[in-house]
């Protein structure tokens, strides 16, 4: 039996001492993808999602991609 696994991720290092908050444009500037784009962008890279996809592929799981976003270190979300 093949496991079906929904995957999504959000990566952000928050600096609370910064006055400006991080909004969607902060993620769009670095990584903001969904569906097949997420798999194409993250599979085989050194990101946390890349590692999760590597394990899923090695385990023979069916990956259902949702949304993945990453922003540079910045203010609170």
PDB file of N, CA and C in Angstrom:
ATOM      1  N   UNK A   1       0.840  -1.185   0.000  1.00  0.00           N
ATOM      2  CA  UNK A   1       0.000   0.000   0.000  1.00  0.00           C
ATOM      3  C   UNK A   1       0.884   1.247   0.000  1.00  0.00           C
ATOM      4  N   UNK A   2       0.609   2.155  -0.910  1.00  0.00           N
ATOM      5  CA  UNK A   2       1.360   3.404  -0.999  1.00  0.00           C
ATOM      6  C   UNK A   2       0.755   4.440  -0.058  1.00  0.00           C
ATOM      7  N   UNK A   3       1.618   5.095   0.698  1.00  0.00           N
ATOM      8  CA  UNK A   3       1.158   6.181   1.568  1.00  0.00           C
ATOM      9  C   UNK A   3       1.011   7.448   0.736  1.00  0.00           C
ATOM     10  N   UNK A   4      -0.062   8.174   0.968  1.00  0.00           N
ATOM     11  CA  UNK A   4      -0.268   9.478   0.343  1.00  0.00           C
ATOM     12  C   UNK A   4       0.002  10.522   1.416  1.00  0.00           C
ATOM     13  N   UNK A   5       0.935  11.440   1.134  1.00  0.00           N
ATOM     14  CA  UNK A   5       1.371  12.411   2.129  1.00  0.00           C
ATOM     15  C   UNK A   5       1.230  13.826   1.569  1.00  0.00           C
ATOM     16  N   UNK A   6       0.439  14.652   2.255  1.00  0.00           N
ATOM     17  CA  UNK A   6       0.320  16.063   1.900  1.00  0.00           C
ATOM     18  C   UNK A   6       1.494  16.803   2.522  1.00  0.00           C
ATOM     19  N   UNK A   7       2.219  17.579   1.716  1.00  0.00           N
ATOM     20  CA  UNK A   7       3.362  18.319   2.246  1.00  0.00           C
ATOM     21  C   UNK A   7       3.193  19.815   2.002  1.00  0.00           C
ATOM     22  N   UNK A   8       3.600  20.592   2.999  1.00  0.00           N
ATOM     23  CA  UNK A   8       3.584  22.046   2.932  1.00  0.00           C
ATOM     24  C   UNK A   8       4.674  22.548   3.865  1.00  0.00           C
ATOM     25  N   UNK A   9       5.149  23.755   3.648  1.00  0.00           N
ATOM     26  CA  UNK A   9       6.188  24.278   4.532  1.00  0.00           C
ATOM     27  C   UNK A   9       6.260  25.792   4.508  1.00  0.00           C
ATOM     28  N   UNK A  10       6.724  26.333   5.615  1.00  0.00           N
ATOM     29  CA  UNK A  10       6.929  27.766   5.761  1.00  0.00           C
ATOM     30  C   UNK A  10       8.215  27.953   6.551  1.00  0.00           C
ATOM     31  N   UNK A  11       9.195  28.620   5.949  1.00  0.00           N
ATOM     32  CA  UNK A  11      10.497  28.813   6.580  1.00  0.00           C
ATOM     33  C   UNK A  11      10.730  30.310   6.770  1.00  0.00           C
ATOM     34  N   UNK A  12      10.991  30.695   8.024  1.00  0.00           N
ATOM     35  CA  UNK A  12      11.236  32.108   8.311  1.00  0.00           C
ATOM     36  C   UNK A  12      12.000  32.240   9.617  1.00  0.00           C
ATOM     37  N   UNK A  13      13.059  32.996   9.587  1.00  0.00           N
ATOM     38  CA  UNK A  13      13.805  33.330  10.810  1.00  0.00           C
ATOM     39  C   UNK A  13      13.345  34.716  11.240  1.00  0.00           C
ATOM     40  N   UNK A  14      12.685  34.793  12.385  1.00  0.00           N
ATOM     41  CA  UNK A  14      12.096  36.043  12.851  1.00  0.00           C
ATOM     42  C   UNK A  14      13.047  36.822  13.740  1.00  0.00           C
ATOM     43  N   UNK A  15      13.175  38.111  13.437  1.00  0.00           N
ATOM     44  CA  UNK A  15      13.946  39.027  14.279  1.00  0.00           C
ATOM     45  C   UNK A  15      12.952  40.005  14.909  1.00  0.00           C
ATOM     46  N   UNK A  16      12.676  39.810  16.188  1.00  0.00           N
ATOM     47  CA  UNK A  16      11.657  40.619  16.857  1.00  0.00           C
ATOM     48  C   UNK A  16      12.091  42.059  17.089  1.00  0.00           C
ATOM     49  N   UNK A  17      13.394  42.332  16.957  1.00  0.00           N
ATOM     50  CA  UNK A  17      13.874  43.699  17.179  1.00  0.00           C
ATOM     51  C   UNK A  17      13.665  44.595  15.957  1.00  0.00           C
ATOM     52  N   UNK A  18      13.242  44.036  14.846  1.00  0.00           N
ATOM     53  CA  UNK A  18      12.972  44.834  13.654  1.00  0.00           C
ATOM     54  C   UNK A  18      11.546  45.375  13.712  1.00  0.00           C
ATOM     55  N   UNK A  19      11.383  46.647  13.414  1.00  0.00           N
ATOM     56  CA  UNK A  19      10.068  47.285  13.494  1.00  0.00           C
ATOM     57  C   UNK A  19       9.141  46.851  12.361  1.00  0.00           C
ATOM     58  N   UNK A  20       9.697  46.639  11.184  1.00  0.00           N
ATOM     59  CA  UNK A  20       8.868  46.281  10.032  1.00  0.00           C
ATOM     60  C   UNK A  20       8.554  44.789  10.045  1.00  0.00           C
ATOM     61  N   UNK A  21       7.297  44.463   9.821  1.00  0.00           N
ATOM     62  CA  UNK A  21       6.902  43.051   9.795  1.00  0.00           C
ATOM     63  C   UNK A  21       7.151  42.454   8.408  1.00  0.00           C
ATOM     64  N   UNK A  22       7.115  41.142   8.351  1.00  0.00           N
ATOM     65  CA  UNK A  22       7.283  40.426   7.091  1.00  0.00           C
ATOM     66  C   UNK A  22       5.907  40.099   6.538  1.00  0.00           C
ATOM     67  N   UNK A  23       5.655  40.501   5.307  1.00  0.00           N
ATOM     68  CA  UNK A  23       4.374  40.191   4.676  1.00  0.00           C
ATOM     69  C   UNK A  23       4.604  39.239   3.503  1.00  0.00           C
ATOM     70  N   UNK A  24       3.598  39.026   2.719  1.00  0.00           N
ATOM     71  CA  UNK A  24       3.679  38.075   1.617  1.00  0.00           C
ATOM     72  C   UNK A  24       4.780  38.432   0.624  1.00  0.00           C
ATOM     73  N   UNK A  25       5.034  39.710   0.411  1.00  0.00           N
ATOM     74  CA  UNK A  25       6.075  40.095  -0.546  1.00  0.00           C
ATOM     75  C   UNK A  25       7.453  39.606  -0.110  1.00  0.00           C
ATOM     76  N   UNK A  26       7.659  39.468   1.193  1.00  0.00           N
ATOM     77  CA  UNK A  26       8.922  38.929   1.690  1.00  0.00           C
ATOM     78  C   UNK A  26       9.133  37.486   1.278  1.00  0.00           C
ATOM     79  N   UNK A  27       8.054  36.732   1.190  1.00  0.00           N
ATOM     80  CA  UNK A  27       8.139  35.340   0.741  1.00  0.00           C
ATOM     81  C   UNK A  27       8.223  35.273  -0.779  1.00  0.00           C
ATOM     82  N   UNK A  28       7.428  36.097  -1.457  1.00  0.00           N
ATOM     83  CA  UNK A  28       7.439  36.094  -2.924  1.00  0.00           C
ATOM     84  C   UNK A  28       8.811  36.457  -3.474  1.00  0.00           C
ATOM     85  N   UNK A  29       9.573  37.248  -2.725  1.00  0.00           N
ATOM     86  CA  UNK A  29      10.909  37.639  -3.170  1.00  0.00           C
ATOM     87  C   UNK A  29      11.905  36.486  -3.120  1.00  0.00           C
ATOM     88  N   UNK A  30      11.654  35.486  -2.287  1.00  0.00           N
ATOM     89  CA  UNK A  30      12.585  34.357  -2.171  1.00  0.00           C
ATOM     90  C   UNK A  30      11.948  33.082  -2.730  1.00  0.00           C
ATOM     91  N   UNK A  31      10.991  32.515  -2.039  1.00  0.00           N
ATOM     92  CA  UNK A  31      10.301  31.304  -2.517  1.00  0.00           C
ATOM     93  C   UNK A  31       8.840  31.359  -2.090  1.00  0.00           C
ATOM     94  N   UNK A  32       7.940  31.260  -3.030  1.00  0.00           N
ATOM     95  CA  UNK A  32       6.509  31.172  -2.743  1.00  0.00           C
ATOM     96  C   UNK A  32       5.884  30.368  -3.881  1.00  0.00           C
ATOM     97  N   UNK A  33       5.790  29.057  -3.700  1.00  0.00           N
ATOM     98  CA  UNK A  33       5.345  28.160  -4.764  1.00  0.00           C
ATOM     99  C   UNK A  33       4.284  27.199  -4.241  1.00  0.00           C
ATOM    100  N   UNK A  34       3.566  26.581  -5.166  1.00  0.00           N
ATOM    101  CA  UNK A  34       2.572  25.582  -4.770  1.00  0.00           C
ATOM    102  C   UNK A  34       2.458  24.524  -5.857  1.00  0.00           C
ATOM    103  N   UNK A  35       1.846  23.417  -5.491  1.00  0.00           N
ATOM    104  CA  UNK A  35       1.611  22.342  -6.440  1.00  0.00           C
ATOM    105  C   UNK A  35       2.899  21.807  -7.053  1.00  0.00           C
ATOM    106  N   UNK A  36       2.840  21.519  -8.343  1.00  0.00           N
ATOM    107  CA  UNK A  36       3.998  20.949  -9.040  1.00  0.00           C
ATOM    108  C   UNK A  36       5.206  21.877  -8.979  1.00  0.00           C
ATOM    109  N   UNK A  37       4.973  23.193  -8.972  1.00  0.00           N
ATOM    110  CA  UNK A  37       6.081  24.155  -8.833  1.00  0.00           C
ATOM    111  C   UNK A  37       6.885  23.882  -7.569  1.00  0.00           C
ATOM    112  N   UNK A  38       6.193  23.533  -6.497  1.00  0.00           N
ATOM    113  CA  UNK A  38       6.859  23.244  -5.228  1.00  0.00           C
ATOM    114  C   UNK A  38       7.787  22.047  -5.384  1.00  0.00           C
ATOM    115  N   UNK A  39       7.302  20.996  -6.016  1.00  0.00           N
ATOM    116  CA  UNK A  39       8.126  19.807  -6.209  1.00  0.00           C
ATOM    117  C   UNK A  39       9.324  20.115  -7.103  1.00  0.00           C
ATOM    118  N   UNK A  40       9.090  20.835  -8.204  1.00  0.00           N
ATOM    119  CA  UNK A  40      10.170  21.174  -9.131  1.00  0.00           C
ATOM    120  C   UNK A  40      11.228  22.050  -8.471  1.00  0.00           C
ATOM    121  N   UNK A  41      10.804  22.993  -7.653  1.00  0.00           N
ATOM    122  CA  UNK A  41      11.719  23.946  -7.015  1.00  0.00           C
ATOM    123  C   UNK A  41      12.510  23.317  -5.878  1.00  0.00           C
ATOM    124  N   UNK A  42      11.888  22.434  -5.107  1.00  0.00           N
ATOM    125  CA  UNK A  42      12.501  21.949  -3.867  1.00  0.00           C
ATOM    126  C   UNK A  42      13.149  20.575  -3.970  1.00  0.00           C
ATOM    127  N   UNK A  43      12.716  19.761  -4.880  1.00  0.00           N
ATOM    128  CA  UNK A  43      13.258  18.403  -4.979  1.00  0.00           C
ATOM    129  C   UNK A  43      14.745  18.486  -5.350  1.00  0.00           C
ATOM    130  N   UNK A  44      15.573  17.868  -4.506  1.00  0.00           N
ATOM    131  CA  UNK A  44      17.008  17.821  -4.772  1.00  0.00           C
ATOM    132  C   UNK A  44      17.805  19.000  -4.245  1.00  0.00           C
ATOM    133  N   UNK A  45      17.155  19.976  -3.595  1.00  0.00           N
ATOM    134  CA  UNK A  45      17.928  21.084  -3.030  1.00  0.00           C
ATOM    135  C   UNK A  45      18.183  20.846  -1.539  1.00  0.00           C
ATOM    136  N   UNK A  46      18.890  21.761  -0.914  1.00  0.00           N
ATOM    137  CA  UNK A  46      19.300  21.590   0.486  1.00  0.00           C
ATOM    138  C   UNK A  46      18.314  22.205   1.476  1.00  0.00           C
ATOM    139  N   UNK A  47      17.099  22.479   1.041  1.00  0.00           N
ATOM    140  CA  UNK A  47      16.094  23.069   1.927  1.00  0.00           C
ATOM    141  C   UNK A  47      15.458  21.996   2.804  1.00  0.00           C
ATOM    142  N   UNK A  48      14.777  22.417   3.875  1.00  0.00           N
ATOM    143  CA  UNK A  48      14.031  21.439   4.676  1.00  0.00           C
ATOM    144  C   UNK A  48      13.032  20.649   3.824  1.00  0.00           C
ATOM    145  N   UNK A  49      12.367  21.325   2.889  1.00  0.00           N
ATOM    146  CA  UNK A  49      11.419  20.624   2.027  1.00  0.00           C
ATOM    147  C   UNK A  49      12.136  19.648   1.105  1.00  0.00           C
ATOM    148  N   UNK A  50      13.318  20.030   0.627  1.00  0.00           N
ATOM    149  CA  UNK A  50      14.098  19.117  -0.201  1.00  0.00           C
ATOM    150  C   UNK A  50      14.414  17.830   0.542  1.00  0.00           C
ATOM    151  N   UNK A  51      14.750  17.947   1.822  1.00  0.00           N
ATOM    152  CA  UNK A  51      15.019  16.766   2.643  1.00  0.00           C
ATOM    153  C   UNK A  51      13.783  15.917   2.847  1.00  0.00           C
ATOM    154  N   UNK A  52      12.652  16.562   3.091  1.00  0.00           N
ATOM    155  CA  UNK A  52      11.402  15.823   3.276  1.00  0.00           C
ATOM    156  C   UNK A  52      11.019  15.077   2.001  1.00  0.00           C
ATOM    157  N   UNK A  53      11.198  15.722   0.853  1.00  0.00           N
ATOM    158  CA  UNK A  53      10.870  15.074  -0.412  1.00  0.00           C
ATOM    159  C   UNK A  53      11.814  13.912  -0.700  1.00  0.00           C
ATOM    160  N   UNK A  54      13.071  14.055  -0.321  1.00  0.00           N
ATOM    161  CA  UNK A  54      14.037  12.968  -0.501  1.00  0.00           C
ATOM    162  C   UNK A  54      13.609  11.723   0.284  1.00  0.00           C
ATOM    163  N   UNK A  55      13.196  11.925   1.527  1.00  0.00           N
ATOM    164  CA  UNK A  55      12.729  10.806   2.358  1.00  0.00           C
ATOM    165  C   UNK A  55      11.450  10.206   1.772  1.00  0.00           C
ATOM    166  N   UNK A  56      10.534  11.056   1.351  1.00  0.00           N
ATOM    167  CA  UNK A  56       9.278  10.570   0.772  1.00  0.00           C
ATOM    168  C   UNK A  56       9.538   9.746  -0.484  1.00  0.00           C
ATOM    169  N   UNK A  57      10.419  10.238  -1.342  1.00  0.00           N
ATOM    170  CA  UNK A  57      10.740   9.512  -2.573  1.00  0.00           C
ATOM    171  C   UNK A  57      11.401   8.172  -2.265  1.00  0.00           C
ATOM    172  N   UNK A  58      12.349   8.175  -1.331  1.00  0.00           N
ATOM    173  CA  UNK A  58      13.051   6.938  -0.960  1.00  0.00           C
ATOM    174  C   UNK A  58      12.105   5.920  -0.330  1.00  0.00           C
ATOM    175  N   UNK A  59      11.050   6.408   0.299  1.00  0.00           N
ATOM    176  CA  UNK A  59      10.082   5.530   0.964  1.00  0.00           C
ATOM    177  C   UNK A  59       8.965   5.072   0.029  1.00  0.00           C
ATOM    178  N   UNK A  60       8.946   5.631  -1.182  1.00  0.00           N
ATOM    179  CA  UNK A  60       7.916   5.259  -2.140  1.00  0.00           C
ATOM    180  C   UNK A  60       6.564   5.887  -1.875  1.00  0.00           C
ATOM    181  N   UNK A  61       6.547   6.988  -1.132  1.00  0.00           N
ATOM    182  CA  UNK A  61       5.288   7.655  -0.808  1.00  0.00           C
ATOM    183  C   UNK A  61       4.801   8.496  -1.990  1.00  0.00           C
ATOM    184  N   UNK A  62       3.506   8.632  -2.108  1.00  0.00           N
ATOM    185  CA  UNK A  62       2.923   9.533  -3.089  1.00  0.00           C
ATOM    186  C   UNK A  62       2.803  10.905  -2.431  1.00  0.00           C
ATOM    187  N   UNK A  63       3.518  11.878  -2.953  1.00  0.00           N
ATOM    188  CA  UNK A  63       3.533  13.224  -2.375  1.00  0.00           C
ATOM    189  C   UNK A  63       2.447  14.068  -3.029  1.00  0.00           C
ATOM    190  N   UNK A  64       1.637  14.695  -2.190  1.00  0.00           N
ATOM    191  CA  UNK A  64       0.619  15.632  -2.651  1.00  0.00           C
ATOM    192  C   UNK A  64       1.105  17.023  -2.244  1.00  0.00           C
ATOM    193  N   UNK A  65       1.594  17.817  -3.196  1.00  0.00           N
ATOM    194  CA  UNK A  65       2.166  19.120  -2.852  1.00  0.00           C
ATOM    195  C   UNK A  65       1.090  20.160  -2.563  1.00  0.00           C
ATOM    196  N   UNK A  66       1.333  20.962  -1.542  1.00  0.00           N
ATOM    197  CA  UNK A  66       0.416  22.036  -1.187  1.00  0.00           C
ATOM    198  C   UNK A  66       1.093  23.373  -1.481  1.00  0.00           C
ATOM    199  N   UNK A  67       1.708  23.974  -0.478  1.00  0.00           N
ATOM    200  CA  UNK A  67       2.340  25.297  -0.606  1.00  0.00           C
ATOM    201  C   UNK A  67       3.660  25.274   0.150  1.00  0.00           C
ATOM    202  N   UNK A  68       4.670  25.978  -0.375  1.00  0.00           N
ATOM    203  CA  UNK A  68       5.951  26.116   0.309  1.00  0.00           C
ATOM    204  C   UNK A  68       6.415  27.552   0.165  1.00  0.00           C
ATOM    205  N   UNK A  69       6.807  28.148   1.274  1.00  0.00           N
ATOM    206  CA  UNK A  69       7.299  29.509   1.255  1.00  0.00           C
ATOM    207  C   UNK A  69       8.511  29.674   2.140  1.00  0.00           C
ATOM    208  N   UNK A  70       9.412  30.545   1.719  1.00  0.00           N
ATOM    209  CA  UNK A  70      10.591  30.876   2.514  1.00  0.00           C
ATOM    210  C   UNK A  70      10.906  32.352   2.305  1.00  0.00           C
ATOM    211  N   UNK A  71      11.296  33.009   3.377  1.00  0.00           N
ATOM    212  CA  UNK A  71      11.667  34.423   3.317  1.00  0.00           C
ATOM    213  C   UNK A  71      13.022  34.596   3.981  1.00  0.00           C
ATOM    214  N   UNK A  72      13.714  35.670   3.619  1.00  0.00           N
ATOM    215  CA  UNK A  72      14.984  35.954   4.275  1.00  0.00           C
ATOM    216  C   UNK A  72      14.705  36.352   5.726  1.00  0.00           C
ATOM    217  N   UNK A  73      15.695  36.238   6.621  1.00  0.00           N
ATOM    218  CA  UNK A  73      15.483  36.662   8.005  1.00  0.00           C
ATOM    219  C   UNK A  73      14.984  38.112   8.042  1.00  0.00           C
ATOM    220  N   UNK A  74      13.907  38.327   8.767  1.00  0.00           N
ATOM    221  CA  UNK A  74      13.282  39.649   8.813  1.00  0.00           C
ATOM    222  C   UNK A  74      12.331  39.730   9.998  1.00  0.00           C
ATOM    223  N   UNK A  75      11.528  40.780  10.046  1.00  0.00           N
ATOM    224  CA  UNK A  75      10.628  41.021  11.172  1.00  0.00           C
ATOM    225  C   UNK A  75       9.525  39.981  11.302  1.00  0.00           C
ATOM    226  N   UNK A  76       8.719  40.136  12.337  1.00  0.00           N
ATOM    227  CA  UNK A  76       7.652  39.168  12.608  1.00  0.00           C
ATOM    228  C   UNK A  76       6.671  39.079  11.436  1.00  0.00           C
ATOM    229  N   UNK A  77       6.044  37.940  11.341  1.00  0.00           N
ATOM    230  CA  UNK A  77       5.078  37.717  10.261  1.00  0.00           C
ATOM    231  C   UNK A  77       3.730  38.261  10.700  1.00  0.00           C
TER     232      UNK A  77
END
